[in-house]
Amino acid sequence: MHVFGYGSLMWSQGFRYEEKVCGYVKGFKRRFWQGSEDHRGEPGKPGRVLSVFKSGDPNDIVLGVAFKIPEEDEELVRQNLIVRETGYDVIETLFYPIGSSDTHSAQPIVLELFLANQNTSTYLGPASERDIAWQIYHSKGLRGSNLDYFLRVVSSCKNLFPNNSDRHLEQIEQEVRQIAAEKGDTLDHLIGQMQ
């Protein structure tokens, strides 16, 4: 079994894996449209976390990481991810590795992807990049600030995929930095912790 990491799983798996491969899935989009009233927000003041949705364009891609789970851990990992990824549906899709490595060919991999369900109470939906950035900048939850989560996503994407970009993330990052600048915050205190 392989699982797809496109958000916090890129840096915080919480499970053992045998192999980690960078690549993408096609026909999906990644957006900060899911609310978190526990990990990155609080009741009545949700933070925003990433979710993946089916796209109307089969050429849209979401960059991320495929993790190969040891056979003996598959059911435990699946159940833990179902709890962690509350409000998501599990589907199988093809993952396309970027390049190849000594341990893996560039052949597509069938993996499990946690797909956002728009019919749950945690679905916040689209908003302007400025509004999403404001919510990210100001929200905190049990696992820390929403800003920390966001900056780790951005840092992971830049480190894992230096030759690719994600317009949604880039636009929100620009707005987050603008909000921080308006408050006299350079974000250095958070960025330094991630290096």
N, C-alpha and C. Protein backbone atom coordinates (compact mmCIF):
# COMPACT_ATOMS: atom_id res chain seq x y z
N MET A 1 0.84 -1.18 0.00
CA MET A 1 0.00 0.00 0.00
C MET A 1 0.88 1.25 0.00
N HIS A 2 0.49 2.21 -0.83
CA HIS A 2 1.12 3.53 -0.85
C HIS A 2 0.08 4.56 -0.44
N VAL A 3 0.50 5.59 0.29
CA VAL A 3 -0.38 6.71 0.61
C VAL A 3 0.25 7.99 0.10
N PHE A 4 -0.60 8.98 -0.21
CA PHE A 4 -0.17 10.24 -0.79
C PHE A 4 -0.11 11.32 0.27
N GLY A 5 1.05 11.95 0.39
CA GLY A 5 1.23 13.08 1.29
C GLY A 5 1.33 14.37 0.50
N TYR A 6 0.42 15.30 0.75
CA TYR A 6 0.42 16.58 0.02
C TYR A 6 0.38 17.77 0.97
N GLY A 7 0.26 17.51 2.27
CA GLY A 7 0.23 18.57 3.29
C GLY A 7 1.21 18.20 4.39
N SER A 8 0.70 18.08 5.61
CA SER A 8 1.59 17.80 6.75
C SER A 8 2.26 16.43 6.66
N LEU A 9 1.71 15.50 5.90
CA LEU A 9 2.38 14.19 5.76
C LEU A 9 3.74 14.33 5.09
N MET A 10 3.97 15.43 4.37
CA MET A 10 5.28 15.61 3.73
C MET A 10 6.39 15.74 4.76
N TRP A 11 6.11 16.28 5.96
CA TRP A 11 7.15 16.44 6.98
C TRP A 11 6.83 15.73 8.29
N SER A 12 5.60 15.33 8.50
CA SER A 12 5.22 14.70 9.77
C SER A 12 4.32 13.50 9.49
N GLN A 13 4.95 12.35 9.26
CA GLN A 13 4.17 11.18 8.86
C GLN A 13 3.47 10.52 10.05
N GLY A 14 4.20 10.25 11.09
CA GLY A 14 3.62 9.53 12.22
C GLY A 14 3.48 8.04 11.96
N PHE A 15 4.19 7.54 10.95
CA PHE A 15 4.17 6.10 10.65
C PHE A 15 5.48 5.72 9.98
N ARG A 16 5.77 4.41 10.03
CA ARG A 16 6.96 3.89 9.34
C ARG A 16 6.64 3.74 7.86
N TYR A 17 7.67 3.92 7.04
CA TYR A 17 7.49 3.66 5.61
C TYR A 17 8.77 3.05 5.06
N GLU A 18 8.61 2.29 3.97
CA GLU A 18 9.74 1.61 3.34
C GLU A 18 10.37 2.45 2.25
N GLU A 19 9.59 3.33 1.67
CA GLU A 19 10.07 4.11 0.53
C GLU A 19 9.29 5.41 0.46
N LYS A 20 9.98 6.45 0.02
CA LYS A 20 9.38 7.78 -0.15
C LYS A 20 9.74 8.25 -1.56
N VAL A 21 8.72 8.55 -2.37
CA VAL A 21 8.94 8.94 -3.76
C VAL A 21 8.21 10.25 -4.03
N CYS A 22 8.91 11.22 -4.63
CA CYS A 22 8.29 12.49 -4.99
C CYS A 22 7.63 12.38 -6.36
N GLY A 23 6.51 13.05 -6.52
CA GLY A 23 5.80 13.01 -7.79
C GLY A 23 4.50 13.77 -7.72
N TYR A 24 3.50 13.30 -8.47
CA TYR A 24 2.23 14.03 -8.53
C TYR A 24 1.08 13.11 -8.90
N VAL A 25 -0.12 13.60 -8.62
CA VAL A 25 -1.35 12.97 -9.09
C VAL A 25 -2.00 13.93 -10.07
N LYS A 26 -2.71 13.38 -11.06
CA LYS A 26 -3.33 14.20 -12.11
C LYS A 26 -4.84 14.30 -11.93
N GLY A 27 -5.38 15.45 -12.37
CA GLY A 27 -6.83 15.64 -12.34
C GLY A 27 -7.35 16.11 -10.99
N PHE A 28 -6.44 16.64 -10.16
CA PHE A 28 -6.81 17.12 -8.83
C PHE A 28 -6.24 18.52 -8.62
N LYS A 29 -6.77 19.22 -7.59
CA LYS A 29 -6.23 20.50 -7.16
C LYS A 29 -6.11 20.49 -5.64
N ARG A 30 -5.08 21.19 -5.14
CA ARG A 30 -4.83 21.28 -3.70
C ARG A 30 -5.20 22.70 -3.27
N ARG A 31 -6.04 22.80 -2.23
CA ARG A 31 -6.52 24.10 -1.79
C ARG A 31 -6.61 24.17 -0.27
N PHE A 32 -6.49 25.38 0.27
CA PHE A 32 -6.70 25.64 1.70
C PHE A 32 -8.19 25.91 1.93
N TRP A 33 -9.00 24.91 1.70
CA TRP A 33 -10.45 25.06 1.81
C TRP A 33 -11.05 24.23 2.94
N GLN A 34 -10.22 23.52 3.69
CA GLN A 34 -10.71 22.66 4.77
C GLN A 34 -10.44 23.36 6.10
N GLY A 35 -11.41 23.31 6.99
CA GLY A 35 -11.25 23.93 8.30
C GLY A 35 -10.69 22.95 9.32
N SER A 36 -10.02 23.50 10.32
CA SER A 36 -9.50 22.70 11.43
C SER A 36 -9.84 23.44 12.72
N GLU A 37 -10.74 22.85 13.51
CA GLU A 37 -11.10 23.43 14.80
C GLU A 37 -10.40 22.73 15.95
N ASP A 38 -9.39 21.93 15.62
CA ASP A 38 -8.63 21.26 16.67
C ASP A 38 -7.14 21.46 16.46
N HIS A 39 -6.57 20.83 15.45
CA HIS A 39 -5.12 20.87 15.26
C HIS A 39 -4.58 22.28 14.96
N ARG A 40 -5.25 23.04 14.10
CA ARG A 40 -4.73 24.35 13.66
C ARG A 40 -5.71 25.49 13.87
N GLY A 41 -6.72 25.24 14.68
CA GLY A 41 -7.71 26.27 15.02
C GLY A 41 -8.42 25.85 16.28
N GLU A 42 -9.53 26.50 16.56
CA GLU A 42 -10.32 26.15 17.73
C GLU A 42 -11.80 26.28 17.38
N PRO A 43 -12.68 25.71 18.21
CA PRO A 43 -14.11 25.78 17.89
C PRO A 43 -14.56 27.23 17.68
N GLY A 44 -15.24 27.45 16.58
CA GLY A 44 -15.70 28.80 16.24
C GLY A 44 -14.67 29.66 15.55
N LYS A 45 -13.40 29.25 15.59
CA LYS A 45 -12.31 29.99 14.95
C LYS A 45 -11.40 28.99 14.23
N PRO A 46 -11.91 28.36 13.18
CA PRO A 46 -11.11 27.32 12.52
C PRO A 46 -9.89 27.88 11.79
N GLY A 47 -8.83 27.09 11.81
CA GLY A 47 -7.71 27.37 10.93
C GLY A 47 -8.03 26.76 9.57
N ARG A 48 -7.11 26.92 8.63
CA ARG A 48 -7.30 26.33 7.30
C ARG A 48 -6.17 25.36 7.02
N VAL A 49 -6.54 24.17 6.57
CA VAL A 49 -5.55 23.16 6.20
C VAL A 49 -5.80 22.73 4.77
N LEU A 50 -4.80 22.10 4.20
CA LEU A 50 -4.90 21.69 2.80
C LEU A 50 -5.86 20.52 2.61
N SER A 51 -6.48 20.54 1.47
CA SER A 51 -7.31 19.43 1.03
C SER A 51 -7.14 19.29 -0.48
N VAL A 52 -7.44 18.11 -0.97
CA VAL A 52 -7.35 17.84 -2.41
C VAL A 52 -8.76 17.57 -2.93
N PHE A 53 -9.06 18.18 -4.07
CA PHE A 53 -10.36 18.04 -4.72
C PHE A 53 -10.16 17.57 -6.14
N LYS A 54 -11.17 16.89 -6.68
CA LYS A 54 -11.14 16.57 -8.11
C LYS A 54 -11.23 17.88 -8.87
N SER A 55 -10.48 17.94 -9.95
CA SER A 55 -10.43 19.14 -10.77
C SER A 55 -11.23 18.91 -12.05
N GLY A 56 -11.71 19.98 -12.63
CA GLY A 56 -12.37 19.87 -13.92
C GLY A 56 -11.40 19.69 -15.06
N ASP A 57 -10.11 19.87 -14.78
CA ASP A 57 -9.07 19.78 -15.80
C ASP A 57 -8.21 18.54 -15.54
N PRO A 58 -8.23 17.56 -16.44
CA PRO A 58 -7.44 16.34 -16.22
C PRO A 58 -5.93 16.58 -16.22
N ASN A 59 -5.50 17.76 -16.68
CA ASN A 59 -4.06 18.07 -16.69
C ASN A 59 -3.59 18.77 -15.42
N ASP A 60 -4.51 19.17 -14.54
CA ASP A 60 -4.10 19.74 -13.26
C ASP A 60 -3.35 18.68 -12.47
N ILE A 61 -2.34 19.12 -11.73
CA ILE A 61 -1.58 18.18 -10.90
C ILE A 61 -1.44 18.70 -9.48
N VAL A 62 -1.26 17.77 -8.56
CA VAL A 62 -0.91 18.08 -7.18
C VAL A 62 0.40 17.37 -6.89
N LEU A 63 1.40 18.14 -6.55
CA LEU A 63 2.70 17.59 -6.18
C LEU A 63 2.64 17.04 -4.76
N GLY A 64 3.37 15.96 -4.53
CA GLY A 64 3.39 15.39 -3.20
C GLY A 64 4.32 14.19 -3.14
N VAL A 65 4.14 13.40 -2.10
CA VAL A 65 5.03 12.28 -1.82
C VAL A 65 4.21 11.00 -1.66
N ALA A 66 4.67 9.93 -2.30
CA ALA A 66 4.07 8.61 -2.10
C ALA A 66 4.92 7.86 -1.07
N PHE A 67 4.26 7.37 -0.04
CA PHE A 67 4.94 6.59 0.99
C PHE A 67 4.49 5.14 0.87
N LYS A 68 5.46 4.24 0.74
CA LYS A 68 5.16 2.80 0.72
C LYS A 68 5.15 2.31 2.16
N ILE A 69 4.01 1.78 2.56
CA ILE A 69 3.81 1.34 3.94
C ILE A 69 4.16 -0.14 4.06
N PRO A 70 4.91 -0.54 5.10
CA PRO A 70 5.18 -1.97 5.30
C PRO A 70 3.86 -2.74 5.41
N GLU A 71 3.82 -3.91 4.80
CA GLU A 71 2.59 -4.69 4.75
C GLU A 71 1.98 -4.91 6.14
N GLU A 72 2.83 -5.17 7.13
CA GLU A 72 2.31 -5.45 8.47
C GLU A 72 1.72 -4.21 9.14
N ASP A 73 1.98 -3.03 8.61
CA ASP A 73 1.46 -1.78 9.20
C ASP A 73 0.29 -1.19 8.43
N GLU A 74 -0.07 -1.79 7.31
CA GLU A 74 -1.05 -1.17 6.41
C GLU A 74 -2.37 -0.81 7.10
N GLU A 75 -2.98 -1.75 7.78
CA GLU A 75 -4.30 -1.48 8.38
C GLU A 75 -4.21 -0.44 9.49
N LEU A 76 -3.18 -0.51 10.31
CA LEU A 76 -3.00 0.48 11.38
C LEU A 76 -2.81 1.88 10.80
N VAL A 77 -1.96 2.00 9.79
CA VAL A 77 -1.72 3.30 9.16
C VAL A 77 -3.00 3.82 8.53
N ARG A 78 -3.71 2.98 7.82
CA ARG A 78 -4.97 3.40 7.18
C ARG A 78 -5.94 3.93 8.23
N GLN A 79 -6.12 3.19 9.32
CA GLN A 79 -7.06 3.62 10.37
C GLN A 79 -6.61 4.92 11.03
N ASN A 80 -5.32 5.05 11.30
CA ASN A 80 -4.81 6.29 11.90
C ASN A 80 -4.99 7.48 10.97
N LEU A 81 -4.80 7.27 9.68
CA LEU A 81 -4.98 8.37 8.72
C LEU A 81 -6.45 8.74 8.57
N ILE A 82 -7.34 7.77 8.66
CA ILE A 82 -8.77 8.07 8.60
C ILE A 82 -9.16 8.98 9.77
N VAL A 83 -8.61 8.71 10.95
CA VAL A 83 -8.87 9.57 12.11
C VAL A 83 -8.22 10.94 11.91
N ARG A 84 -6.97 10.95 11.49
CA ARG A 84 -6.22 12.20 11.31
C ARG A 84 -6.85 13.08 10.23
N GLU A 85 -7.26 12.47 9.14
CA GLU A 85 -7.81 13.21 8.00
C GLU A 85 -9.34 13.23 8.07
N THR A 86 -9.89 13.66 9.17
CA THR A 86 -11.33 13.69 9.37
C THR A 86 -12.03 14.47 8.27
N GLY A 87 -13.10 13.91 7.75
CA GLY A 87 -13.88 14.60 6.72
C GLY A 87 -13.40 14.37 5.31
N TYR A 88 -12.56 13.37 5.12
CA TYR A 88 -12.04 13.06 3.80
C TYR A 88 -12.50 11.68 3.37
N ASP A 89 -12.62 11.47 2.07
CA ASP A 89 -12.91 10.16 1.51
C ASP A 89 -11.60 9.55 1.02
N VAL A 90 -11.47 8.24 1.10
CA VAL A 90 -10.27 7.56 0.62
C VAL A 90 -10.57 6.99 -0.76
N ILE A 91 -9.73 7.35 -1.73
CA ILE A 91 -9.87 6.80 -3.08
C ILE A 91 -8.51 6.28 -3.54
N GLU A 92 -8.52 5.44 -4.56
CA GLU A 92 -7.28 5.01 -5.20
C GLU A 92 -7.11 5.79 -6.49
N THR A 93 -5.88 6.19 -6.76
CA THR A 93 -5.57 6.90 -7.99
C THR A 93 -4.12 6.61 -8.38
N LEU A 94 -3.74 7.04 -9.57
CA LEU A 94 -2.36 6.85 -10.02
C LEU A 94 -1.49 8.02 -9.59
N PHE A 95 -0.29 7.68 -9.17
CA PHE A 95 0.73 8.64 -8.76
C PHE A 95 1.87 8.51 -9.76
N TYR A 96 2.37 9.63 -10.25
CA TYR A 96 3.43 9.64 -11.25
C TYR A 96 4.73 10.15 -10.63
N PRO A 97 5.71 9.27 -10.45
CA PRO A 97 6.99 9.70 -9.89
C PRO A 97 7.69 10.71 -10.80
N ILE A 98 8.39 11.64 -10.18
CA ILE A 98 9.21 12.58 -10.93
C ILE A 98 10.59 11.97 -11.02
N GLY A 99 11.03 11.65 -12.23
CA GLY A 99 12.32 11.00 -12.42
C GLY A 99 12.27 9.58 -11.89
N SER A 100 13.44 9.06 -11.55
CA SER A 100 13.51 7.72 -10.98
C SER A 100 14.68 7.67 -10.02
N SER A 101 14.72 6.62 -9.24
CA SER A 101 15.81 6.45 -8.28
C SER A 101 16.32 5.02 -8.39
N ASP A 102 17.33 4.70 -7.60
CA ASP A 102 17.87 3.34 -7.61
C ASP A 102 16.84 2.32 -7.13
N THR A 103 15.93 2.76 -6.26
CA THR A 103 14.98 1.82 -5.66
C THR A 103 13.64 1.80 -6.35
N HIS A 104 13.41 2.71 -7.30
CA HIS A 104 12.08 2.78 -7.89
C HIS A 104 12.14 3.28 -9.32
N SER A 105 11.42 2.61 -10.20
CA SER A 105 11.33 3.08 -11.58
C SER A 105 10.32 4.21 -11.65
N ALA A 106 10.24 4.85 -12.79
CA ALA A 106 9.32 5.97 -12.96
C ALA A 106 7.93 5.51 -13.39
N GLN A 107 7.60 4.24 -13.18
CA GLN A 107 6.26 3.74 -13.51
C GLN A 107 5.24 4.30 -12.52
N PRO A 108 4.00 4.58 -12.98
CA PRO A 108 2.97 5.06 -12.06
C PRO A 108 2.71 4.05 -10.93
N ILE A 109 2.30 4.57 -9.80
CA ILE A 109 2.01 3.78 -8.60
C ILE A 109 0.54 3.98 -8.25
N VAL A 110 -0.15 2.91 -7.93
CA VAL A 110 -1.51 3.04 -7.40
C VAL A 110 -1.39 3.35 -5.92
N LEU A 111 -2.03 4.43 -5.49
CA LEU A 111 -1.96 4.78 -4.07
C LEU A 111 -3.31 5.22 -3.55
N GLU A 112 -3.36 5.35 -2.21
CA GLU A 112 -4.56 5.86 -1.55
C GLU A 112 -4.40 7.35 -1.33
N LEU A 113 -5.43 8.09 -1.71
CA LEU A 113 -5.44 9.54 -1.58
C LEU A 113 -6.65 9.93 -0.74
N PHE A 114 -6.43 10.85 0.19
CA PHE A 114 -7.53 11.36 1.01
C PHE A 114 -8.11 12.58 0.31
N LEU A 115 -9.32 12.41 -0.21
CA LEU A 115 -9.99 13.41 -1.03
C LEU A 115 -11.00 14.17 -0.18
N ALA A 116 -10.98 15.49 -0.30
CA ALA A 116 -11.89 16.31 0.49
C ALA A 116 -13.35 16.01 0.15
N ASN A 117 -14.16 16.02 1.18
CA ASN A 117 -15.60 15.84 1.03
C ASN A 117 -16.25 17.18 1.35
N GLN A 118 -16.88 17.78 0.37
CA GLN A 118 -17.47 19.11 0.54
C GLN A 118 -18.75 19.09 1.36
N ASN A 119 -19.24 17.93 1.73
CA ASN A 119 -20.48 17.82 2.49
C ASN A 119 -20.25 17.62 3.98
N THR A 120 -19.07 17.98 4.48
CA THR A 120 -18.79 17.85 5.90
C THR A 120 -18.79 19.22 6.57
N SER A 121 -18.91 19.23 7.87
CA SER A 121 -18.93 20.49 8.62
C SER A 121 -17.57 21.19 8.61
N THR A 122 -16.51 20.47 8.28
CA THR A 122 -15.17 21.08 8.27
C THR A 122 -14.83 21.75 6.95
N TYR A 123 -15.68 21.57 5.94
CA TYR A 123 -15.41 22.20 4.64
C TYR A 123 -15.74 23.69 4.72
N LEU A 124 -14.74 24.53 4.48
CA LEU A 124 -14.93 25.98 4.49
C LEU A 124 -15.16 26.54 3.10
N GLY A 125 -14.59 25.90 2.11
CA GLY A 125 -14.77 26.34 0.73
C GLY A 125 -13.82 27.45 0.34
N PRO A 126 -13.99 27.93 -0.90
CA PRO A 126 -13.10 28.96 -1.42
C PRO A 126 -13.27 30.30 -0.71
N ALA A 127 -12.23 31.07 -0.74
CA ALA A 127 -12.22 32.44 -0.24
C ALA A 127 -11.10 33.15 -0.98
N SER A 128 -11.03 34.45 -0.83
CA SER A 128 -9.93 35.19 -1.47
C SER A 128 -8.61 34.78 -0.82
N GLU A 129 -7.52 34.93 -1.54
CA GLU A 129 -6.20 34.61 -0.99
C GLU A 129 -5.94 35.45 0.26
N ARG A 130 -6.38 36.71 0.25
CA ARG A 130 -6.19 37.59 1.41
C ARG A 130 -6.94 37.04 2.63
N ASP A 131 -8.19 36.62 2.44
CA ASP A 131 -8.97 36.09 3.56
C ASP A 131 -8.39 34.78 4.09
N ILE A 132 -7.95 33.92 3.18
CA ILE A 132 -7.32 32.66 3.60
C ILE A 132 -6.04 32.96 4.37
N ALA A 133 -5.24 33.89 3.86
CA ALA A 133 -3.98 34.25 4.53
C ALA A 133 -4.25 34.83 5.92
N TRP A 134 -5.25 35.69 6.04
CA TRP A 134 -5.58 36.30 7.33
C TRP A 134 -5.96 35.21 8.33
N GLN A 135 -6.79 34.26 7.90
CA GLN A 135 -7.21 33.17 8.77
C GLN A 135 -6.02 32.31 9.18
N ILE A 136 -5.14 32.02 8.23
CA ILE A 136 -3.94 31.23 8.53
C ILE A 136 -3.05 31.97 9.51
N TYR A 137 -2.85 33.26 9.30
CA TYR A 137 -1.95 34.05 10.14
C TYR A 137 -2.44 34.12 11.59
N HIS A 138 -3.75 34.15 11.79
CA HIS A 138 -4.30 34.40 13.12
C HIS A 138 -4.79 33.15 13.87
N SER A 139 -4.78 31.98 13.25
CA SER A 139 -5.36 30.79 13.90
C SER A 139 -4.30 29.95 14.61
N LYS A 140 -4.73 29.36 15.75
CA LYS A 140 -3.87 28.46 16.51
C LYS A 140 -4.72 27.31 17.02
N GLY A 141 -4.09 26.14 17.16
CA GLY A 141 -4.80 24.97 17.67
C GLY A 141 -3.92 24.12 18.54
N LEU A 142 -4.36 22.90 18.80
CA LEU A 142 -3.65 21.99 19.68
C LEU A 142 -2.26 21.62 19.17
N ARG A 143 -2.07 21.59 17.85
CA ARG A 143 -0.77 21.22 17.28
C ARG A 143 0.08 22.43 16.92
N GLY A 144 -0.39 23.62 17.27
CA GLY A 144 0.40 24.81 17.00
C GLY A 144 -0.33 25.79 16.11
N SER A 145 0.42 26.78 15.66
CA SER A 145 -0.20 27.83 14.86
C SER A 145 -0.47 27.35 13.44
N ASN A 146 -1.51 27.90 12.85
CA ASN A 146 -1.83 27.61 11.46
C ASN A 146 -0.73 28.16 10.57
N LEU A 147 -0.12 29.26 11.00
CA LEU A 147 0.97 29.86 10.24
C LEU A 147 2.16 28.90 10.15
N ASP A 148 2.48 28.25 11.25
CA ASP A 148 3.56 27.26 11.25
C ASP A 148 3.26 26.15 10.24
N TYR A 149 2.04 25.63 10.27
CA TYR A 149 1.62 24.60 9.31
C TYR A 149 1.80 25.10 7.88
N PHE A 150 1.30 26.29 7.61
CA PHE A 150 1.38 26.85 6.26
C PHE A 150 2.84 26.99 5.80
N LEU A 151 3.68 27.57 6.65
CA LEU A 151 5.08 27.79 6.26
C LEU A 151 5.82 26.46 6.07
N ARG A 152 5.46 25.44 6.84
CA ARG A 152 6.07 24.12 6.64
C ARG A 152 5.64 23.50 5.31
N VAL A 153 4.37 23.70 4.93
CA VAL A 153 3.91 23.22 3.62
C VAL A 153 4.71 23.91 2.52
N VAL A 154 4.82 25.23 2.60
CA VAL A 154 5.54 26.00 1.59
C VAL A 154 7.00 25.55 1.53
N SER A 155 7.64 25.43 2.69
CA SER A 155 9.04 25.02 2.75
C SER A 155 9.23 23.61 2.17
N SER A 156 8.34 22.69 2.53
CA SER A 156 8.44 21.32 2.01
C SER A 156 8.31 21.30 0.49
N CYS A 157 7.35 22.05 -0.04
CA CYS A 157 7.15 22.08 -1.49
C CYS A 157 8.37 22.66 -2.20
N LYS A 158 8.94 23.73 -1.64
CA LYS A 158 10.11 24.35 -2.26
C LYS A 158 11.32 23.41 -2.21
N ASN A 159 11.48 22.69 -1.09
CA ASN A 159 12.61 21.77 -0.96
C ASN A 159 12.45 20.51 -1.79
N LEU A 160 11.25 19.95 -1.81
CA LEU A 160 11.02 18.70 -2.54
C LEU A 160 10.86 18.91 -4.04
N PHE A 161 10.33 20.08 -4.42
CA PHE A 161 10.01 20.35 -5.83
C PHE A 161 10.55 21.72 -6.25
N PRO A 162 11.88 21.88 -6.25
CA PRO A 162 12.46 23.21 -6.54
C PRO A 162 12.18 23.70 -7.96
N ASN A 163 11.86 22.81 -8.87
CA ASN A 163 11.62 23.21 -10.26
C ASN A 163 10.15 23.31 -10.61
N ASN A 164 9.29 23.20 -9.61
CA ASN A 164 7.85 23.27 -9.84
C ASN A 164 7.25 24.33 -8.92
N SER A 165 6.05 24.76 -9.25
CA SER A 165 5.39 25.76 -8.41
C SER A 165 3.93 25.39 -8.21
N ASP A 166 3.33 26.02 -7.22
CA ASP A 166 1.92 25.84 -6.91
C ASP A 166 1.35 27.24 -6.75
N ARG A 167 0.61 27.69 -7.74
CA ARG A 167 0.11 29.07 -7.79
C ARG A 167 -0.73 29.41 -6.56
N HIS A 168 -1.57 28.50 -6.12
CA HIS A 168 -2.42 28.73 -4.94
C HIS A 168 -1.55 29.01 -3.71
N LEU A 169 -0.54 28.17 -3.48
CA LEU A 169 0.35 28.37 -2.34
C LEU A 169 1.12 29.68 -2.46
N GLU A 170 1.62 29.96 -3.65
CA GLU A 170 2.42 31.18 -3.86
C GLU A 170 1.60 32.44 -3.60
N GLN A 171 0.35 32.45 -4.07
CA GLN A 171 -0.49 33.63 -3.86
C GLN A 171 -0.81 33.83 -2.38
N ILE A 172 -1.09 32.74 -1.68
CA ILE A 172 -1.37 32.86 -0.25
C ILE A 172 -0.11 33.26 0.50
N GLU A 173 1.04 32.71 0.11
CA GLU A 173 2.30 33.09 0.77
C GLU A 173 2.55 34.58 0.62
N GLN A 174 2.30 35.12 -0.56
CA GLN A 174 2.48 36.56 -0.78
C GLN A 174 1.57 37.36 0.16
N GLU A 175 0.33 36.93 0.32
CA GLU A 175 -0.60 37.63 1.21
C GLU A 175 -0.20 37.47 2.67
N VAL A 176 0.25 36.28 3.07
CA VAL A 176 0.70 36.06 4.45
C VAL A 176 1.87 36.98 4.75
N ARG A 177 2.82 37.08 3.84
CA ARG A 177 3.98 37.96 4.06
C ARG A 177 3.56 39.43 4.13
N GLN A 178 2.55 39.80 3.35
CA GLN A 178 2.04 41.17 3.40
C GLN A 178 1.39 41.46 4.75
N ILE A 179 0.58 40.54 5.23
CA ILE A 179 -0.05 40.70 6.55
C ILE A 179 1.02 40.78 7.63
N ALA A 180 2.02 39.91 7.55
CA ALA A 180 3.12 39.92 8.53
C ALA A 180 3.85 41.26 8.48
N ALA A 181 4.14 41.76 7.29
CA ALA A 181 4.84 43.04 7.14
C ALA A 181 4.02 44.18 7.75
N GLU A 182 2.71 44.15 7.56
CA GLU A 182 1.84 45.18 8.13
C GLU A 182 1.89 45.16 9.65
N LYS A 183 2.20 44.02 10.24
CA LYS A 183 2.28 43.88 11.69
C LYS A 183 3.72 43.99 12.20
N GLY A 184 4.67 44.25 11.28
CA GLY A 184 6.07 44.35 11.67
C GLY A 184 6.70 43.00 11.97
N ASP A 185 6.13 41.94 11.46
CA ASP A 185 6.59 40.57 11.70
C ASP A 185 7.34 40.09 10.45
N THR A 186 8.61 39.75 10.61
CA THR A 186 9.40 39.27 9.47
C THR A 186 9.20 37.78 9.21
N LEU A 187 8.57 37.08 10.14
CA LEU A 187 8.38 35.62 10.10
C LEU A 187 9.69 34.86 10.32
N ASP A 188 10.79 35.58 10.56
CA ASP A 188 12.09 34.92 10.76
C ASP A 188 12.06 33.95 11.93
N HIS A 189 11.31 34.29 12.98
CA HIS A 189 11.24 33.43 14.17
C HIS A 189 10.65 32.06 13.83
N LEU A 190 9.77 31.99 12.85
CA LEU A 190 9.21 30.70 12.43
C LEU A 190 10.04 30.03 11.36
N ILE A 191 10.49 30.80 10.40
CA ILE A 191 11.27 30.24 9.29
C ILE A 191 12.56 29.62 9.79
N GLY A 192 13.21 30.25 10.76
CA GLY A 192 14.45 29.73 11.32
C GLY A 192 14.28 28.37 11.98
N GLN A 193 13.10 28.12 12.55
CA GLN A 193 12.84 26.83 13.20
C GLN A 193 12.71 25.69 12.20
N MET A 194 12.46 26.01 10.94
CA MET A 194 12.21 24.97 9.94
C MET A 194 13.46 24.55 9.20
N GLN A 195 14.54 25.24 9.38
CA GLN A 195 15.75 24.93 8.61
C GLN A 195 16.62 23.93 9.33
